[in-house]
Every structure is written in C-alpha cells, then in structure tokens.
Amino acid sequence: MELQHVNVKIYVEGDLQVDPEQLIELFHEWVSQQVADELLIDVADYWHVPAGPGVVVVGHEADYAMDNGGDRYGMLYNRKAPLDGDNQSRLRQALGAAAAACRRLEEAFHGDGALRFSRDEFAIIINDRGLAPNSEETLDACRPDLEAFLKSSLGHSEFTVERQSDDPRFRFGVVVRSGQPFDLEALAGG
C-alpha cells in the first residue's frame, strides 16, 4: 500500500497556555521568513471553531496548524502534495517537518513556559480515504512499514501503535505511544 498525504500531529503536553494572537503573529512571521521546506502562503484563524483546526499556516505543498481536533491541541503537519520515495521516507519527512515546527514553537515560547510538546505520543494520519480507508485491513497492510519506520526513527522498539478510531467515517490514523521519550530535535533532523 502506497501512503501519500501523510499527516503527523504531535500533541501539546498539558494545557495550551499560548495566546492565540501570539500564535497568529508568529505564524505570519513563518510565512514572511519562509521558515519551512515548503512554500508557506498565508495564515488562517479558525480559533473560534470548537475542537477545530485552530490556527493554520497554509502552504502550497503542506499546511501547519496548532490544531484542536479531538479536543486535544497539537502541532499538525498536513502534507498535501504527493512525495516520491517509499512509505518510510514519506513518514520520516512528515514526522521531521512536524518535529521541526514543534521545536520552533517551543523556542518561540520558551520564556513563558507556556508551550511544550509531548515526547512520548503522536498521531500519524493518512489524509486520503481512497488510498487508506479506516479499517483494520489498512492497519495490517501498513503495520510493517509503520513499525520499521518507528524503530528507525525512535531508535527502539518500545512503542505501541493503535488505531485512532474504528469509525469508517474517520480518516485512517494511528496513535503512537513510545515507552521512552523521543528527541524532537533528532526527529527534526537537527
């Protein structure tokens, strides 16, 4: 199974303490300074939507968002453009981009202590129901690539992978829980 349109959400640890206006301002700086590997275009404020997308940095190839989907804040990287390579390289690219965004956010709000991302839990979502319907069969087909990718990226095999939901109306996604803290900087390629 070829995985495209990989999303990764690294959860915020605890409650989000950052003022939405500060996030919007920072994300506008990301656009003006083109801090990511993808072309960043604009910022959209959906903070008013309950359990919604929050604040989104809209890009050409990918979007970044301080997302509150599922009533849980996190940095969501949404790869929109297809990528060459194998599943593991596409998963690695998405996790690396999400981790790099988390590091930038933690650095920006470090003095406040208002923002820290999890070092033991994140989600991987395939944003294409045609390629990856939300089913146990999809998980079985993806499991070898997911496990090989996670062993390589996390540097150990102490992790669990479970589907986010068994509701076929939802996108296929898994929650990864690591038995050892992971290093965001290492995942970001830094």
Protein backbone atom coordinates (compact mmCIF):
# COMPACT_ATOMS: atom_id res chain seq x y z
CA MET A 1 0.00 0.00 0.00
CA GLU A 2 1.43 3.37 -1.03
CA LEU A 3 0.91 6.05 1.60
CA GLN A 4 0.59 9.65 0.47
CA HIS A 5 -0.78 12.80 2.14
CA VAL A 6 0.78 11.85 5.47
CA ASN A 7 -0.23 13.97 8.46
CA VAL A 8 1.53 13.95 11.82
CA LYS A 9 0.16 15.53 14.98
CA ILE A 10 2.49 15.93 17.94
CA TYR A 11 0.38 16.68 20.99
CA VAL A 12 0.80 19.60 23.36
CA GLU A 13 1.82 18.48 26.82
CA GLY A 14 -0.76 19.68 29.35
CA ASP A 15 -2.96 22.66 28.59
CA LEU A 16 -2.21 25.16 25.85
CA GLN A 17 -1.23 28.41 27.57
CA VAL A 18 -0.32 30.42 24.46
CA ASP A 19 -2.44 33.41 23.48
CA PRO A 20 -3.94 32.73 20.02
CA GLU A 21 -2.94 36.23 18.89
CA GLN A 22 0.70 35.41 19.63
CA LEU A 23 0.42 32.24 17.54
CA ILE A 24 -1.14 34.13 14.66
CA GLU A 25 1.62 36.73 14.82
CA LEU A 26 4.33 34.06 14.92
CA PHE A 27 2.79 32.13 12.05
CA HIS A 28 2.75 35.31 9.94
CA GLU A 29 6.49 35.57 10.66
CA TRP A 30 6.89 31.97 9.45
CA VAL A 31 5.25 32.95 6.16
CA SER A 32 7.27 36.13 5.70
CA GLN A 33 10.54 34.37 6.59
CA GLN A 34 9.69 31.08 4.79
CA VAL A 35 10.97 29.01 7.72
CA ALA A 36 9.87 25.62 6.37
CA ASP A 37 10.96 23.49 3.43
CA GLU A 38 7.55 24.03 1.81
CA LEU A 39 6.24 27.27 0.32
CA LEU A 40 4.14 28.97 3.02
CA ILE A 41 1.40 31.25 1.71
CA ASP A 42 -0.93 32.61 4.40
CA VAL A 43 -2.36 32.20 7.89
CA ALA A 44 -5.98 31.30 8.62
CA ASP A 45 -7.59 31.80 12.02
CA TYR A 46 -10.17 29.16 12.93
CA TRP A 47 -9.74 29.61 16.67
CA HIS A 48 -13.49 30.21 17.01
CA VAL A 49 -14.31 26.67 15.81
CA PRO A 50 -14.72 24.28 18.79
CA ALA A 51 -12.38 21.26 18.53
CA GLY A 52 -11.32 22.59 15.15
CA PRO A 53 -8.22 23.43 13.14
CA GLY A 54 -7.16 26.35 15.38
CA VAL A 55 -4.63 28.47 13.52
CA VAL A 56 -3.39 27.21 10.16
CA VAL A 57 -0.30 28.18 8.19
CA VAL A 58 -1.48 27.47 4.66
CA GLY A 59 1.20 26.24 2.32
CA HIS A 60 1.46 25.06 -1.25
CA GLU A 61 2.78 21.55 -0.53
CA ALA A 62 1.74 21.31 3.12
CA ASP A 63 -0.09 23.08 5.93
CA TYR A 64 0.94 23.51 9.56
CA ALA A 65 -1.64 24.06 12.28
CA MET A 66 -1.97 24.46 16.00
CA ASP A 67 -4.86 22.04 15.81
CA ASN A 68 -7.51 21.20 18.41
CA GLY A 69 -9.11 18.25 16.61
CA GLY A 70 -10.47 15.70 19.04
CA ASP A 71 -10.35 18.41 21.74
CA ARG A 72 -6.61 17.92 22.04
CA TYR A 73 -4.11 20.56 20.97
CA GLY A 74 -1.09 19.68 18.92
CA MET A 75 1.07 20.72 16.00
CA LEU A 76 -0.49 19.13 12.93
CA TYR A 77 1.57 18.79 9.78
CA ASN A 78 -0.65 18.10 6.76
CA ARG A 79 1.23 17.02 3.63
CA LYS A 80 -0.95 17.87 0.61
CA ALA A 81 1.39 17.31 -2.33
CA PRO A 82 2.48 13.76 -3.21
CA LEU A 83 6.07 12.78 -2.47
CA ASP A 84 8.38 10.40 -4.29
CA GLY A 85 10.06 7.62 -2.37
CA ASP A 86 8.80 4.78 -0.25
CA ASN A 87 6.34 4.82 2.65
CA GLN A 88 9.09 5.05 5.25
CA SER A 89 10.67 8.10 3.61
CA ARG A 90 7.27 9.83 3.38
CA LEU A 91 6.53 9.04 7.04
CA ARG A 92 10.00 10.30 8.00
CA GLN A 93 9.51 13.54 6.07
CA ALA A 94 6.15 14.25 7.75
CA LEU A 95 7.38 13.45 11.26
CA GLY A 96 10.51 15.53 10.68
CA ALA A 97 8.51 18.53 9.48
CA ALA A 98 6.11 18.29 12.45
CA ALA A 99 9.00 17.93 14.92
CA ALA A 100 10.82 20.92 13.41
CA ALA A 101 7.67 23.04 13.74
CA CYS A 102 7.31 21.94 17.38
CA ARG A 103 10.91 22.93 18.09
CA ARG A 104 10.36 26.37 16.52
CA LEU A 105 7.23 26.88 18.64
CA GLU A 106 8.89 25.74 21.86
CA GLU A 107 11.81 28.08 21.22
CA ALA A 108 9.48 31.00 20.50
CA PHE A 109 7.51 30.50 23.72
CA HIS A 110 10.30 29.12 25.88
CA GLY A 111 10.44 32.09 28.25
CA ASP A 112 6.77 31.76 29.09
CA GLY A 113 6.95 28.01 29.71
CA ALA A 114 3.57 28.09 28.00
CA LEU A 115 4.24 25.52 25.32
CA ARG A 116 5.82 22.11 25.42
CA PHE A 117 5.12 19.19 23.13
CA SER A 118 4.88 15.54 24.09
CA ARG A 119 8.00 13.42 23.93
CA ASP A 120 6.12 10.14 24.09
CA GLU A 121 2.96 10.37 21.96
CA PHE A 122 1.92 11.48 18.49
CA ALA A 123 -0.54 10.57 15.76
CA ILE A 124 0.01 9.59 12.15
CA ILE A 125 -2.96 10.13 9.83
CA ILE A 126 -3.32 9.32 6.14
CA ASN A 127 -5.39 12.11 4.64
CA ASP A 128 -6.68 10.05 1.73
CA ARG A 129 -9.63 7.73 2.28
CA GLY A 130 -9.22 6.29 -1.21
CA LEU A 131 -5.66 5.14 -0.55
CA ALA A 132 -6.17 4.20 3.09
CA PRO A 133 -9.72 3.52 4.25
CA ASN A 134 -10.09 3.49 8.03
CA SER A 135 -10.11 -0.25 8.58
CA GLU A 136 -8.21 -2.99 10.36
CA GLU A 137 -7.10 -4.22 6.91
CA THR A 138 -5.39 -0.89 6.26
CA LEU A 139 -3.59 -1.13 9.60
CA ASP A 140 -2.48 -4.69 8.80
CA ALA A 141 -1.19 -3.56 5.38
CA CYS A 142 0.64 -0.54 6.85
CA ARG A 143 1.96 -2.15 10.02
CA PRO A 144 5.28 -3.46 8.60
CA ASP A 145 6.21 -0.02 7.19
CA LEU A 146 4.96 1.78 10.31
CA GLU A 147 6.90 -0.46 12.68
CA ALA A 148 10.10 -0.34 10.64
CA PHE A 149 9.83 3.45 10.37
CA LEU A 150 9.17 3.85 14.11
CA LYS A 151 12.04 1.55 15.13
CA SER A 152 14.37 3.53 12.90
CA SER A 153 13.10 6.98 13.92
CA LEU A 154 12.67 6.36 17.64
CA GLY A 155 15.76 4.17 17.93
CA HIS A 156 13.98 1.43 19.88
CA SER A 157 11.02 -0.92 19.68
CA GLU A 158 9.30 0.09 22.91
CA PHE A 159 6.19 1.62 21.36
CA THR A 160 2.57 0.82 20.71
CA VAL A 161 0.54 1.59 17.59
CA GLU A 162 -3.24 1.63 17.76
CA ARG A 163 -5.94 3.00 15.50
CA GLN A 164 -7.36 6.36 16.48
CA SER A 165 -10.89 5.27 15.71
CA ASP A 166 -12.68 2.28 14.24
CA ASP A 167 -15.38 4.51 12.74
CA PRO A 168 -15.13 4.18 8.93
CA ARG A 169 -16.21 7.83 8.55
CA PHE A 170 -12.91 8.99 10.04
CA ARG A 171 -9.58 9.08 8.25
CA PHE A 172 -7.18 6.22 8.90
CA GLY A 173 -4.90 7.20 11.73
CA VAL A 174 -2.86 5.67 14.48
CA VAL A 175 -1.67 6.91 17.84
CA VAL A 176 1.94 6.05 18.62
CA ARG A 177 2.95 5.83 22.27
CA SER A 178 6.65 5.50 22.97
CA GLY A 179 7.95 3.71 26.05
CA GLN A 180 10.99 6.02 26.00
CA PRO A 181 10.99 9.80 25.47
CA PHE A 182 11.92 10.80 21.94
CA ASP A 183 14.09 13.74 20.95
CA LEU A 184 12.22 16.31 18.84
CA GLU A 185 15.47 17.80 17.60
CA ALA A 186 16.72 14.42 16.38
CA LEU A 187 13.37 13.70 14.68
CA ALA A 188 13.56 17.12 13.02
CA GLY A 189 16.93 16.17 11.57
CA GLY A 190 18.84 18.65 13.72
